[in-house]
Amino acid sequence: MTLTVRDIYKSFGDIKALCGVGFEASAGHPLGLLGRNGAGKTTLMRIIMDILKADSGEILLDGKPLADARTAIGYLPEERGLYRTSRIGEQLIYFARLRGMDAARAKQAVSDTLSRFGIEEYINRTPETLSKGNQQRVQLALAMINRPEILILDEPFSGLDPIGTAQLKEIIRDYAAQGHIVIFSSHQMPVVEDFCEDIVIIKSGRVVTKGHLNDIRNSYHSSRVFIRACGDISAIAQKHGDVSAKNGGIVCALSNDADANELLADLSSSGTQITHFEIIRPSLEEIFISSSGEGGNAQ
């Protein structure tokens, strides 16, 4: 199952929110949709969900218009939508009924989903009595209550501690592996890097970077090298750039006119035994800053 976003344009008066945005999201491969605030991510999500209409372009599911497919879409917005003083179980049953379930099926779906998230004990509690992290679990349970084919998550791990984040990542990763499309937006780059295989970065309404994360990393020139050696190689490395210690070796940040191959040749000719020589590929955070910051270039 593949969701195709093709050449989407959207303007609000004189403001061009989206300008020819296009990419694909495939079942089983969580996609990270990234961009600075105001880049157009939320507008695009709302167009995918048919809350907003695009000025032009198409949203397709397996080659057919998504609007015609009657496909269930789950959405976790950045702004939470739970009623703070109503019981959680009653709210979830209500929303499940709105999504077409009869009373018995809705009650069972709520029980199963809360159990899956490890929060069944909160079924008679109200959101205002829960921690921010547990409110987030309930909100995510709501997004997944009807097992949607497409799941769109905006900052899903906000307010969660590392253990809670790891648990929910496993739930969402397993959900994607079952053949669902997951689109994930967050400013927590290490979480996205760990969670998503495919990346789309939007800047000012345009896609500036997209593709498999490893391919994107490999397309960037790296100016850092990690080296381990049997002996002190700092003096040699310093001829090629700034040196710092790391993990039993050194990192050499190459100067503008230096080259990793020249550094390796210099080290080899010194007679020092090199046990590890690795070009450090950029992190997703570095790629994001390069792509979406001022002066960022498309890849």
C-alpha atoms as a PDB file:
ATOM      1  CA  MET A   1       0.000   0.000   0.000  1.00  0.00           C
ATOM      2  CA  THR A   2       1.452   3.339  -1.076  1.00  0.00           C
ATOM      3  CA  LEU A   3       0.266   6.880  -0.436  1.00  0.00           C
ATOM      4  CA  THR A   4       1.312   9.269  -3.196  1.00  0.00           C
ATOM      5  CA  VAL A   5       1.344  13.021  -2.620  1.00  0.00           C
ATOM      6  CA  ARG A   6       1.648  14.559  -6.064  1.00  0.00           C
ATOM      7  CA  ASP A   7       2.372  18.200  -6.914  1.00  0.00           C
ATOM      8  CA  ILE A   8       0.263  19.750  -4.133  1.00  0.00           C
ATOM      9  CA  TYR A   9      -0.265  23.519  -4.182  1.00  0.00           C
ATOM     10  CA  LYS A  10      -2.138  25.482  -1.526  1.00  0.00           C
ATOM     11  CA  SER A  11      -2.407  29.213  -0.923  1.00  0.00           C
ATOM     12  CA  PHE A  12      -4.197  31.291   1.671  1.00  0.00           C
ATOM     13  CA  GLY A  13      -4.708  34.630  -0.031  1.00  0.00           C
ATOM     14  CA  ASP A  14      -1.259  35.901  -0.960  1.00  0.00           C
ATOM     15  CA  ILE A  15       0.473  33.334   1.252  1.00  0.00           C
ATOM     16  CA  LYS A  16       1.766  30.299  -0.641  1.00  0.00           C
ATOM     17  CA  ALA A  17       1.635  27.501   1.949  1.00  0.00           C
ATOM     18  CA  LEU A  18       2.553  24.595  -0.351  1.00  0.00           C
ATOM     19  CA  CYS A  19       4.305  24.797  -3.711  1.00  0.00           C
ATOM     20  CA  GLY A  20       4.375  21.542  -5.661  1.00  0.00           C
ATOM     21  CA  VAL A  21       4.908  19.185  -2.728  1.00  0.00           C
ATOM     22  CA  GLY A  22       5.318  15.552  -3.715  1.00  0.00           C
ATOM     23  CA  PHE A  23       6.528  12.292  -2.146  1.00  0.00           C
ATOM     24  CA  GLU A  24       5.466   8.703  -1.442  1.00  0.00           C
ATOM     25  CA  ALA A  25       4.848   6.908   1.869  1.00  0.00           C
ATOM     26  CA  SER A  26       4.776   3.109   1.821  1.00  0.00           C
ATOM     27  CA  ALA A  27       3.213   0.669   4.254  1.00  0.00           C
ATOM     28  CA  GLY A  28       5.734  -0.793   6.653  1.00  0.00           C
ATOM     29  CA  HIS A  29       8.180   2.108   6.277  1.00  0.00           C
ATOM     30  CA  PRO A  30       7.466   4.997   8.689  1.00  0.00           C
ATOM     31  CA  LEU A  31       8.034   8.346   6.990  1.00  0.00           C
ATOM     32  CA  GLY A  32       9.358  11.397   8.819  1.00  0.00           C
ATOM     33  CA  LEU A  33       7.756  14.631   7.617  1.00  0.00           C
ATOM     34  CA  LEU A  34      10.013  17.413   8.853  1.00  0.00           C
ATOM     35  CA  GLY A  35      10.247  21.164   8.640  1.00  0.00           C
ATOM     36  CA  ARG A  36      10.507  24.298  10.726  1.00  0.00           C
ATOM     37  CA  ASN A  37       7.389  25.859  12.211  1.00  0.00           C
ATOM     38  CA  GLY A  38       5.415  27.399   9.373  1.00  0.00           C
ATOM     39  CA  ALA A  39       6.996  25.209   6.684  1.00  0.00           C
ATOM     40  CA  GLY A  40       3.615  23.772   5.639  1.00  0.00           C
ATOM     41  CA  LYS A  41       3.540  20.395   7.416  1.00  0.00           C
ATOM     42  CA  THR A  42       0.206  20.872   9.200  1.00  0.00           C
ATOM     43  CA  THR A  43      -1.447  22.234   6.044  1.00  0.00           C
ATOM     44  CA  LEU A  44      -0.256  19.164   4.144  1.00  0.00           C
ATOM     45  CA  MET A  45      -1.530  16.799   6.840  1.00  0.00           C
ATOM     46  CA  ARG A  46      -4.949  18.444   6.719  1.00  0.00           C
ATOM     47  CA  ILE A  47      -5.052  18.105   2.945  1.00  0.00           C
ATOM     48  CA  ILE A  48      -4.213  14.396   3.186  1.00  0.00           C
ATOM     49  CA  MET A  49      -7.083  14.007   5.677  1.00  0.00           C
ATOM     50  CA  ASP A  50      -9.422  15.986   3.387  1.00  0.00           C
ATOM     51  CA  ILE A  51      -9.944  18.664   6.038  1.00  0.00           C
ATOM     52  CA  LEU A  52      -8.528  21.215   3.598  1.00  0.00           C
ATOM     53  CA  LYS A  53      -8.738  21.135  -0.184  1.00  0.00           C
ATOM     54  CA  ALA A  54      -5.606  21.610  -2.253  1.00  0.00           C
ATOM     55  CA  ASP A  55      -5.652  24.283  -4.957  1.00  0.00           C
ATOM     56  CA  SER A  56      -4.183  21.661  -7.272  1.00  0.00           C
ATOM     57  CA  GLY A  57      -2.427  18.309  -7.131  1.00  0.00           C
ATOM     58  CA  GLU A  58      -3.462  14.805  -6.077  1.00  0.00           C
ATOM     59  CA  ILE A  59      -3.447  12.529  -3.034  1.00  0.00           C
ATOM     60  CA  LEU A  60      -3.522   8.914  -4.222  1.00  0.00           C
ATOM     61  CA  LEU A  61      -3.660   5.544  -2.494  1.00  0.00           C
ATOM     62  CA  ASP A  62      -2.292   2.777  -4.690  1.00  0.00           C
ATOM     63  CA  GLY A  63      -2.850   4.999  -7.712  1.00  0.00           C
ATOM     64  CA  LYS A  64      -6.471   5.916  -6.944  1.00  0.00           C
ATOM     65  CA  PRO A  65      -7.795   9.149  -5.366  1.00  0.00           C
ATOM     66  CA  LEU A  66      -7.616   8.817  -1.601  1.00  0.00           C
ATOM     67  CA  ALA A  67     -10.932  10.645  -1.209  1.00  0.00           C
ATOM     68  CA  ASP A  68     -12.654   7.834  -3.143  1.00  0.00           C
ATOM     69  CA  ALA A  69     -11.034   5.002  -1.218  1.00  0.00           C
ATOM     70  CA  ARG A  70     -13.015   5.394   2.038  1.00  0.00           C
ATOM     71  CA  THR A  71      -9.777   4.670   3.855  1.00  0.00           C
ATOM     72  CA  ALA A  72      -9.632   5.056   7.638  1.00  0.00           C
ATOM     73  CA  ILE A  73      -7.123   7.697   8.748  1.00  0.00           C
ATOM     74  CA  GLY A  74      -5.960   8.109  12.338  1.00  0.00           C
ATOM     75  CA  TYR A  75      -4.586  11.479  13.419  1.00  0.00           C
ATOM     76  CA  LEU A  76      -2.707  12.594  16.507  1.00  0.00           C
ATOM     77  CA  PRO A  77      -2.586  16.419  16.424  1.00  0.00           C
ATOM     78  CA  GLU A  78       0.074  18.418  18.217  1.00  0.00           C
ATOM     79  CA  GLU A  79      -2.730  20.238  20.051  1.00  0.00           C
ATOM     80  CA  ARG A  80      -4.469  17.581  22.128  1.00  0.00           C
ATOM     81  CA  GLY A  81      -8.231  17.109  21.794  1.00  0.00           C
ATOM     82  CA  LEU A  82      -9.419  15.220  24.879  1.00  0.00           C
ATOM     83  CA  TYR A  83     -12.178  16.559  27.108  1.00  0.00           C
ATOM     84  CA  ARG A  84     -10.351  17.109  30.370  1.00  0.00           C
ATOM     85  CA  THR A  85     -13.247  16.398  32.757  1.00  0.00           C
ATOM     86  CA  SER A  86     -14.924  13.453  30.986  1.00  0.00           C
ATOM     87  CA  ARG A  87     -14.044   9.838  31.697  1.00  0.00           C
ATOM     88  CA  ILE A  88     -11.525   8.383  29.297  1.00  0.00           C
ATOM     89  CA  GLY A  89     -13.476   5.226  28.550  1.00  0.00           C
ATOM     90  CA  GLU A  90     -16.648   7.171  27.777  1.00  0.00           C
ATOM     91  CA  GLN A  91     -14.744   9.534  25.473  1.00  0.00           C
ATOM     92  CA  LEU A  92     -13.064   6.757  23.534  1.00  0.00           C
ATOM     93  CA  ILE A  93     -16.314   4.848  23.109  1.00  0.00           C
ATOM     94  CA  TYR A  94     -17.965   8.046  21.871  1.00  0.00           C
ATOM     95  CA  PHE A  95     -15.226   8.654  19.285  1.00  0.00           C
ATOM     96  CA  ALA A  96     -15.228   4.992  18.232  1.00  0.00           C
ATOM     97  CA  ARG A  97     -18.986   5.242  17.610  1.00  0.00           C
ATOM     98  CA  LEU A  98     -18.390   8.365  15.513  1.00  0.00           C
ATOM     99  CA  ARG A  99     -16.056   6.250  13.378  1.00  0.00           C
ATOM    100  CA  GLY A 100     -18.817   3.803  12.572  1.00  0.00           C
ATOM    101  CA  MET A 101     -18.584   1.142  15.288  1.00  0.00           C
ATOM    102  CA  ASP A 102     -21.669  -0.205  17.027  1.00  0.00           C
ATOM    103  CA  ALA A 103     -21.804  -0.013  20.836  1.00  0.00           C
ATOM    104  CA  ALA A 104     -20.474  -3.508  21.518  1.00  0.00           C
ATOM    105  CA  ARG A 105     -17.624  -3.238  19.022  1.00  0.00           C
ATOM    106  CA  ALA A 106     -16.683   0.226  20.295  1.00  0.00           C
ATOM    107  CA  LYS A 107     -16.533  -0.994  23.896  1.00  0.00           C
ATOM    108  CA  GLN A 108     -14.328  -3.940  22.908  1.00  0.00           C
ATOM    109  CA  ALA A 109     -12.054  -1.750  20.771  1.00  0.00           C
ATOM    110  CA  VAL A 110     -11.538   0.655  23.689  1.00  0.00           C
ATOM    111  CA  SER A 111     -10.704  -2.199  26.061  1.00  0.00           C
ATOM    112  CA  ASP A 112      -8.266  -3.794  23.603  1.00  0.00           C
ATOM    113  CA  THR A 113      -6.541  -0.525  22.707  1.00  0.00           C
ATOM    114  CA  LEU A 114      -6.099   0.683  26.286  1.00  0.00           C
ATOM    115  CA  SER A 115      -4.690  -2.732  27.193  1.00  0.00           C
ATOM    116  CA  ARG A 116      -2.260  -2.562  24.267  1.00  0.00           C
ATOM    117  CA  PHE A 117      -0.997   0.777  25.567  1.00  0.00           C
ATOM    118  CA  GLY A 118      -0.826  -0.434  29.175  1.00  0.00           C
ATOM    119  CA  ILE A 119      -3.305   2.162  30.424  1.00  0.00           C
ATOM    120  CA  GLU A 120      -6.474   0.115  30.975  1.00  0.00           C
ATOM    121  CA  GLU A 121      -6.466   1.172  34.649  1.00  0.00           C
ATOM    122  CA  TYR A 122      -7.285   4.741  33.555  1.00  0.00           C
ATOM    123  CA  ILE A 123     -10.549   3.864  31.813  1.00  0.00           C
ATOM    124  CA  ASN A 124     -12.670   5.549  34.519  1.00  0.00           C
ATOM    125  CA  ARG A 125     -10.252   8.424  35.141  1.00  0.00           C
ATOM    126  CA  THR A 126     -10.433  11.864  33.558  1.00  0.00           C
ATOM    127  CA  PRO A 127      -7.537  13.306  31.503  1.00  0.00           C
ATOM    128  CA  GLU A 128      -6.964  16.147  33.962  1.00  0.00           C
ATOM    129  CA  THR A 129      -5.987  13.611  36.644  1.00  0.00           C
ATOM    130  CA  LEU A 130      -3.265  12.019  34.479  1.00  0.00           C
ATOM    131  CA  SER A 131       0.325  13.018  33.829  1.00  0.00           C
ATOM    132  CA  LYS A 132       1.131  14.643  30.497  1.00  0.00           C
ATOM    133  CA  GLY A 133       2.770  11.433  29.344  1.00  0.00           C
ATOM    134  CA  ASN A 134      -0.270   9.282  30.142  1.00  0.00           C
ATOM    135  CA  GLN A 135      -2.563  11.838  28.512  1.00  0.00           C
ATOM    136  CA  GLN A 136      -0.397  11.396  25.424  1.00  0.00           C
ATOM    137  CA  ARG A 137      -0.843   7.619  25.563  1.00  0.00           C
ATOM    138  CA  VAL A 138      -4.619   8.049  25.716  1.00  0.00           C
ATOM    139  CA  GLN A 139      -4.522  10.481  22.798  1.00  0.00           C
ATOM    140  CA  LEU A 140      -2.486   8.035  20.710  1.00  0.00           C
ATOM    141  CA  ALA A 141      -4.865   5.218  21.669  1.00  0.00           C
ATOM    142  CA  LEU A 142      -7.678   7.391  20.335  1.00  0.00           C
ATOM    143  CA  ALA A 143      -5.837   7.908  17.028  1.00  0.00           C
ATOM    144  CA  MET A 144      -5.500   4.136  16.632  1.00  0.00           C
ATOM    145  CA  ILE A 145      -8.889   3.064  18.049  1.00  0.00           C
ATOM    146  CA  ASN A 146     -10.283   1.965  14.667  1.00  0.00           C
ATOM    147  CA  ARG A 147      -6.987   0.526  13.355  1.00  0.00           C
ATOM    148  CA  PRO A 148      -6.677   3.030  10.498  1.00  0.00           C
ATOM    149  CA  GLU A 149      -4.835   2.148   7.308  1.00  0.00           C
ATOM    150  CA  ILE A 150      -3.072   5.530   7.459  1.00  0.00           C
ATOM    151  CA  LEU A 151      -1.767   6.910  10.752  1.00  0.00           C
ATOM    152  CA  ILE A 152      -0.582  10.546  10.910  1.00  0.00           C
ATOM    153  CA  LEU A 153       1.275  11.542  14.073  1.00  0.00           C
ATOM    154  CA  ASP A 154       2.255  15.113  14.980  1.00  0.00           C
ATOM    155  CA  GLU A 155       4.780  15.175  17.869  1.00  0.00           C
ATOM    156  CA  PRO A 156       3.595  11.815  19.265  1.00  0.00           C
ATOM    157  CA  PHE A 157       6.302  11.532  21.929  1.00  0.00           C
ATOM    158  CA  SER A 158       5.859  14.991  23.431  1.00  0.00           C
ATOM    159  CA  GLY A 159       5.894  14.824  27.231  1.00  0.00           C
ATOM    160  CA  LEU A 160       7.042  11.200  27.430  1.00  0.00           C
ATOM    161  CA  ASP A 161      10.034   9.999  29.421  1.00  0.00           C
ATOM    162  CA  PRO A 162      12.609   7.753  27.665  1.00  0.00           C
ATOM    163  CA  ILE A 163      10.878   4.550  28.787  1.00  0.00           C
ATOM    164  CA  GLY A 164       7.476   5.775  27.631  1.00  0.00           C
ATOM    165  CA  THR A 165       8.972   6.895  24.329  1.00  0.00           C
ATOM    166  CA  ALA A 166      10.588   3.494  23.774  1.00  0.00           C
ATOM    167  CA  GLN A 167       7.322   1.689  24.554  1.00  0.00           C
ATOM    168  CA  LEU A 168       5.234   3.787  22.196  1.00  0.00           C
ATOM    169  CA  LYS A 169       7.856   3.600  19.457  1.00  0.00           C
ATOM    170  CA  GLU A 170       7.620  -0.175  19.639  1.00  0.00           C
ATOM    171  CA  ILE A 171       3.811  -0.063  19.392  1.00  0.00           C
ATOM    172  CA  ILE A 172       3.893   2.272  16.381  1.00  0.00           C
ATOM    173  CA  ARG A 173       6.750   0.401  14.705  1.00  0.00           C
ATOM    174  CA  ASP A 174       4.826  -2.865  15.094  1.00  0.00           C
ATOM    175  CA  TYR A 175       1.710  -1.194  13.703  1.00  0.00           C
ATOM    176  CA  ALA A 176       3.594  -0.034  10.608  1.00  0.00           C
ATOM    177  CA  ALA A 177       5.083  -3.518  10.152  1.00  0.00           C
ATOM    178  CA  GLN A 178       1.560  -4.965  10.018  1.00  0.00           C
ATOM    179  CA  GLY A 179       1.046  -3.181   6.690  1.00  0.00           C
ATOM    180  CA  HIS A 180      -0.074   0.312   7.690  1.00  0.00           C
ATOM    181  CA  ILE A 181       1.176   3.686   6.461  1.00  0.00           C
ATOM    182  CA  VAL A 182       2.660   5.858   9.210  1.00  0.00           C
ATOM    183  CA  ILE A 183       3.553   9.519   8.669  1.00  0.00           C
ATOM    184  CA  PHE A 184       5.410  11.004  11.575  1.00  0.00           C
ATOM    185  CA  SER A 185       6.243  14.652  12.285  1.00  0.00           C
ATOM    186  CA  SER A 186       8.478  15.815  15.117  1.00  0.00           C
ATOM    187  CA  HIS A 187      11.227  18.251  16.031  1.00  0.00           C
ATOM    188  CA  GLN A 188      12.954  15.542  18.109  1.00  0.00           C
ATOM    189  CA  MET A 189      15.526  14.594  15.490  1.00  0.00           C
ATOM    190  CA  PRO A 190      17.167  11.690  17.400  1.00  0.00           C
ATOM    191  CA  VAL A 191      13.732  10.062  17.788  1.00  0.00           C
ATOM    192  CA  VAL A 192      12.921  10.523  14.093  1.00  0.00           C
ATOM    193  CA  GLU A 193      16.365   9.217  13.143  1.00  0.00           C
ATOM    194  CA  ASP A 194      15.826   6.073  15.199  1.00  0.00           C
ATOM    195  CA  PHE A 195      12.233   5.568  14.078  1.00  0.00           C
ATOM    196  CA  CYS A 196      11.904   6.559  10.420  1.00  0.00           C
ATOM    197  CA  GLU A 197      13.469   5.007   7.322  1.00  0.00           C
ATOM    198  CA  ASP A 198      12.211   7.578   4.824  1.00  0.00           C
ATOM    199  CA  ILE A 199      12.479  11.339   5.263  1.00  0.00           C
ATOM    200  CA  VAL A 200      10.810  14.366   3.673  1.00  0.00           C
ATOM    201  CA  ILE A 201      11.985  17.848   4.663  1.00  0.00           C
ATOM    202  CA  ILE A 202       9.848  20.854   3.718  1.00  0.00           C
ATOM    203  CA  LYS A 203      11.060  24.433   3.659  1.00  0.00           C
ATOM    204  CA  SER A 204       8.736  27.348   2.874  1.00  0.00           C
ATOM    205  CA  GLY A 205       6.169  25.010   1.350  1.00  0.00           C
ATOM    206  CA  ARG A 206       8.610  23.151  -0.891  1.00  0.00           C
ATOM    207  CA  VAL A 207      10.289  19.752  -0.557  1.00  0.00           C
ATOM    208  CA  VAL A 208      14.018  20.373  -0.211  1.00  0.00           C
ATOM    209  CA  THR A 209      15.149  16.871   0.803  1.00  0.00           C
ATOM    210  CA  LYS A 210      13.515  13.446   0.483  1.00  0.00           C
ATOM    211  CA  GLY A 211      14.452   9.786   0.270  1.00  0.00           C
ATOM    212  CA  HIS A 212      15.773   6.936   2.375  1.00  0.00           C
ATOM    213  CA  LEU A 213      17.715   8.322   5.328  1.00  0.00           C
ATOM    214  CA  ASN A 214      20.883   6.330   4.564  1.00  0.00           C
ATOM    215  CA  ASP A 215      20.849   7.510   0.947  1.00  0.00           C
ATOM    216  CA  ILE A 216      20.420  11.108   2.098  1.00  0.00           C
ATOM    217  CA  ARG A 217      23.319  10.751   4.530  1.00  0.00           C
ATOM    218  CA  ASN A 218      25.556   9.325   1.822  1.00  0.00           C
ATOM    219  CA  SER A 219      24.713  12.218  -0.501  1.00  0.00           C
ATOM    220  CA  TYR A 220      26.177  14.743   1.928  1.00  0.00           C
ATOM    221  CA  HIS A 221      29.871  15.528   1.909  1.00  0.00           C
ATOM    222  CA  SER A 222      31.359  14.764   5.307  1.00  0.00           C
ATOM    223  CA  SER A 223      34.210  16.765   6.778  1.00  0.00           C
ATOM    224  CA  ARG A 224      34.745  14.568   9.870  1.00  0.00           C
ATOM    225  CA  VAL A 225      36.731  11.352  10.263  1.00  0.00           C
ATOM    226  CA  PHE A 226      36.918   8.996  13.249  1.00  0.00           C
ATOM    227  CA  ILE A 227      40.250   7.197  13.700  1.00  0.00           C
ATOM    228  CA  ARG A 228      41.689   4.645  16.105  1.00  0.00           C
ATOM    229  CA  ALA A 229      45.383   3.745  15.971  1.00  0.00           C
ATOM    230  CA  CYS A 230      48.114   1.922  17.882  1.00  0.00           C
ATOM    231  CA  GLY A 231      49.988   5.043  18.867  1.00  0.00           C
ATOM    232  CA  ASP A 232      49.559   8.783  19.040  1.00  0.00           C
ATOM    233  CA  ILE A 233      48.460  10.191  15.689  1.00  0.00           C
ATOM    234  CA  SER A 234      47.207  13.572  16.925  1.00  0.00           C
ATOM    235  CA  ALA A 235      50.131  15.550  15.510  1.00  0.00           C
ATOM    236  CA  ILE A 236      49.640  14.061  12.034  1.00  0.00           C
ATOM    237  CA  ALA A 237      45.862  14.555  12.110  1.00  0.00           C
ATOM    238  CA  GLN A 238      46.229  18.168  13.253  1.00  0.00           C
ATOM    239  CA  LYS A 239      47.934  18.961   9.943  1.00  0.00           C
ATOM    240  CA  HIS A 240      44.596  18.199   8.280  1.00  0.00           C
ATOM    241  CA  GLY A 241      42.128  19.762  10.717  1.00  0.00           C
ATOM    242  CA  ASP A 242      40.919  20.181  14.279  1.00  0.00           C
ATOM    243  CA  VAL A 243      41.264  17.115  16.488  1.00  0.00           C
ATOM    244  CA  SER A 244      39.229  15.948  19.483  1.00  0.00           C
ATOM    245  CA  ALA A 245      39.234  12.733  21.534  1.00  0.00           C
ATOM    246  CA  LYS A 246      36.273  10.339  21.299  1.00  0.00           C
ATOM    247  CA  ASN A 247      35.593   6.681  22.211  1.00  0.00           C
ATOM    248  CA  GLY A 248      39.220   5.653  22.485  1.00  0.00           C
ATOM    249  CA  GLY A 249      40.195   7.397  19.267  1.00  0.00           C
ATOM    250  CA  ILE A 250      40.115  10.838  17.704  1.00  0.00           C
ATOM    251  CA  VAL A 251      37.776  12.812  15.495  1.00  0.00           C
ATOM    252  CA  CYS A 252      39.418  15.003  12.887  1.00  0.00           C
ATOM    253  CA  ALA A 253      37.260  17.832  11.533  1.00  0.00           C
ATOM    254  CA  LEU A 254      38.941  18.385   8.192  1.00  0.00           C
ATOM    255  CA  SER A 255      39.835  21.899   7.154  1.00  0.00           C
ATOM    256  CA  ASN A 256      38.331  23.287   3.950  1.00  0.00           C
ATOM    257  CA  ASP A 257      41.255  22.300   1.734  1.00  0.00           C
ATOM    258  CA  ALA A 258      41.850  18.886   3.371  1.00  0.00           C
ATOM    259  CA  ASP A 259      40.746  15.482   2.107  1.00  0.00           C
ATOM    260  CA  ALA A 260      40.043  12.234   3.986  1.00  0.00           C
ATOM    261  CA  ASN A 261      42.103  10.212   1.495  1.00  0.00           C
ATOM    262  CA  GLU A 262      45.087  12.524   1.985  1.00  0.00           C
ATOM    263  CA  LEU A 263      44.762  12.111   5.747  1.00  0.00           C
ATOM    264  CA  LEU A 264      44.672   8.309   5.432  1.00  0.00           C
ATOM    265  CA  ALA A 265      47.700   8.330   3.134  1.00  0.00           C
ATOM    266  CA  ASP A 266      49.615  10.539   5.558  1.00  0.00           C
ATOM    267  CA  LEU A 267      48.779   8.237   8.487  1.00  0.00           C
ATOM    268  CA  SER A 268      49.745   5.127   6.519  1.00  0.00           C
ATOM    269  CA  SER A 269      53.100   6.553   5.460  1.00  0.00           C
ATOM    270  CA  SER A 270      53.941   7.295   9.091  1.00  0.00           C
ATOM    271  CA  GLY A 271      54.099   3.555   9.832  1.00  0.00           C
ATOM    272  CA  THR A 272      51.452   3.800  12.556  1.00  0.00           C
ATOM    273  CA  GLN A 273      48.990   0.890  12.633  1.00  0.00           C
ATOM    274  CA  ILE A 274      45.492   2.204  11.915  1.00  0.00           C
ATOM    275  CA  THR A 275      42.806  -0.016  13.464  1.00  0.00           C
ATOM    276  CA  HIS A 276      39.755   2.051  12.498  1.00  0.00           C
ATOM    277  CA  PHE A 277      39.190   4.776   9.918  1.00  0.00           C
ATOM    278  CA  GLU A 278      35.621   5.942   9.316  1.00  0.00           C
ATOM    279  CA  ILE A 279      34.078   8.925   7.599  1.00  0.00           C
ATOM    280  CA  ILE A 280      31.378  10.259   9.919  1.00  0.00           C
ATOM    281  CA  ARG A 281      28.119  10.735   8.075  1.00  0.00           C
ATOM    282  CA  PRO A 282      25.938  13.673   9.166  1.00  0.00           C
ATOM    283  CA  SER A 283      23.176  13.160  11.711  1.00  0.00           C
ATOM    284  CA  LEU A 284      19.563  13.860  10.776  1.00  0.00           C
ATOM    285  CA  GLU A 285      19.764  17.025  12.867  1.00  0.00           C
ATOM    286  CA  GLU A 286      22.706  18.261  10.784  1.00  0.00           C
ATOM    287  CA  ILE A 287      20.872  17.371   7.577  1.00  0.00           C
ATOM    288  CA  PHE A 288      17.749  19.148   8.820  1.00  0.00           C
ATOM    289  CA  ILE A 289      19.699  22.312   9.673  1.00  0.00           C
ATOM    290  CA  SER A 290      21.458  22.243   6.319  1.00  0.00           C
ATOM    291  CA  SER A 291      18.235  21.672   4.366  1.00  0.00           C
ATOM    292  CA  SER A 292      15.715  23.804   6.228  1.00  0.00           C
ATOM    293  CA  GLY A 293      17.885  26.535   7.726  1.00  0.00           C
ATOM    294  CA  GLU A 294      18.601  29.856   6.100  1.00  0.00           C
ATOM    295  CA  GLY A 295      20.442  29.228   2.867  1.00  0.00           C
ATOM    296  CA  GLY A 296      19.731  25.479   2.967  1.00  0.00           C
ATOM    297  CA  ASN A 297      20.045  23.661  -0.335  1.00  0.00           C
ATOM    298  CA  ALA A 298      17.962  20.844  -1.753  1.00  0.00           C
ATOM    299  CA  GLN A 299      19.469  17.386  -2.080  1.00  0.00           C
END
